[in-house]
Amino acid sequence: MQKALHKRRDLKNSAELGIKQIEEKGYEKEIKSYGIEKVIKVAIAFDRKNVEIIVK
């Protein structure tokens, strides 16, 4: 059980890093420069059958 909890935390941290990277690199600005007003940021971290998804 402890190993599964640790793995979930690692996946969550990885997904959060993905969102952070999207924001730091300014990908949203480039997409909006094409006239798109609403952007949904999605970060997915996975390990075999375990997955963590963050949508912002």
C-alpha atoms as a PDB file:
ATOM      1  CA  MET A   1       0.000   0.000   0.000  1.00  0.00           C
ATOM      2  CA  GLN A   2       2.825   2.408   0.877  1.00  0.00           C
ATOM      3  CA  LYS A   3       4.481   1.798  -2.518  1.00  0.00           C
ATOM      4  CA  ALA A   4       1.226   2.592  -4.342  1.00  0.00           C
ATOM      5  CA  LEU A   5       0.827   5.828  -2.382  1.00  0.00           C
ATOM      6  CA  HIS A   6       4.400   6.826  -3.205  1.00  0.00           C
ATOM      7  CA  LYS A   7       3.809   6.087  -6.893  1.00  0.00           C
ATOM      8  CA  ARG A   8       0.638   8.231  -6.916  1.00  0.00           C
ATOM      9  CA  ARG A   9       2.559  11.135  -5.383  1.00  0.00           C
ATOM     10  CA  ASP A  10       5.306  10.756  -7.990  1.00  0.00           C
ATOM     11  CA  LEU A  11       2.760  10.768 -10.803  1.00  0.00           C
ATOM     12  CA  LYS A  12       0.997  13.805  -9.374  1.00  0.00           C
ATOM     13  CA  ASN A  13       4.315  15.643  -9.047  1.00  0.00           C
ATOM     14  CA  SER A  14       5.204  14.745 -12.636  1.00  0.00           C
ATOM     15  CA  ALA A  15       1.863  16.028 -13.926  1.00  0.00           C
ATOM     16  CA  GLU A  16       2.277  19.247 -11.923  1.00  0.00           C
ATOM     17  CA  LEU A  17       5.732  19.693 -13.462  1.00  0.00           C
ATOM     18  CA  GLY A  18       4.123  19.276 -16.876  1.00  0.00           C
ATOM     19  CA  ILE A  19       1.658  22.095 -16.190  1.00  0.00           C
ATOM     20  CA  LYS A  20       4.503  24.234 -14.843  1.00  0.00           C
ATOM     21  CA  GLN A  21       6.502  23.630 -18.025  1.00  0.00           C
ATOM     22  CA  ILE A  22       3.536  24.601 -20.217  1.00  0.00           C
ATOM     23  CA  GLU A  23       3.199  27.850 -18.294  1.00  0.00           C
ATOM     24  CA  GLU A  24       6.933  28.650 -18.142  1.00  0.00           C
ATOM     25  CA  LYS A  25       7.521  28.028 -21.847  1.00  0.00           C
ATOM     26  CA  GLY A  26       4.576  30.253 -22.767  1.00  0.00           C
ATOM     27  CA  TYR A  27       2.885  27.756 -25.092  1.00  0.00           C
ATOM     28  CA  GLU A  28      -0.480  29.373 -24.349  1.00  0.00           C
ATOM     29  CA  LYS A  29       0.706  32.734 -25.731  1.00  0.00           C
ATOM     30  CA  GLU A  30       1.731  31.172 -29.034  1.00  0.00           C
ATOM     31  CA  ILE A  31      -1.595  29.405 -29.431  1.00  0.00           C
ATOM     32  CA  LYS A  32      -3.516  32.586 -28.565  1.00  0.00           C
ATOM     33  CA  SER A  33      -1.518  34.459 -31.218  1.00  0.00           C
ATOM     34  CA  TYR A  34      -3.486  32.419 -33.788  1.00  0.00           C
ATOM     35  CA  GLY A  35      -6.734  33.939 -32.531  1.00  0.00           C
ATOM     36  CA  ILE A  36      -7.727  31.119 -30.200  1.00  0.00           C
ATOM     37  CA  GLU A  37      -9.256  32.618 -27.066  1.00  0.00           C
ATOM     38  CA  LYS A  38      -9.726  29.659 -24.743  1.00  0.00           C
ATOM     39  CA  VAL A  39      -6.855  27.260 -24.081  1.00  0.00           C
ATOM     40  CA  ILE A  40      -7.096  24.169 -21.919  1.00  0.00           C
ATOM     41  CA  LYS A  41      -3.779  23.014 -20.468  1.00  0.00           C
ATOM     42  CA  VAL A  42      -3.478  19.256 -19.922  1.00  0.00           C
ATOM     43  CA  ALA A  43      -0.620  17.345 -18.327  1.00  0.00           C
ATOM     44  CA  ILE A  44      -0.632  13.542 -18.226  1.00  0.00           C
ATOM     45  CA  ALA A  45       1.801  11.404 -16.251  1.00  0.00           C
ATOM     46  CA  PHE A  46       1.556   7.633 -16.388  1.00  0.00           C
ATOM     47  CA  ASP A  47       3.293   4.463 -15.292  1.00  0.00           C
ATOM     48  CA  ARG A  48       1.835   1.270 -16.690  1.00  0.00           C
ATOM     49  CA  LYS A  49      -1.817   1.237 -15.564  1.00  0.00           C
ATOM     50  CA  ASN A  50      -1.500   4.222 -13.208  1.00  0.00           C
ATOM     51  CA  VAL A  51      -2.226   7.695 -14.517  1.00  0.00           C
ATOM     52  CA  GLU A  52      -2.492  11.240 -13.202  1.00  0.00           C
ATOM     53  CA  ILE A  53      -4.145  13.928 -15.302  1.00  0.00           C
ATOM     54  CA  ILE A  54      -4.212  17.637 -14.509  1.00  0.00           C
ATOM     55  CA  VAL A  55      -6.464  19.951 -16.518  1.00  0.00           C
ATOM     56  CA  LYS A  56      -6.190  23.662 -16.042  1.00  0.00           C
END
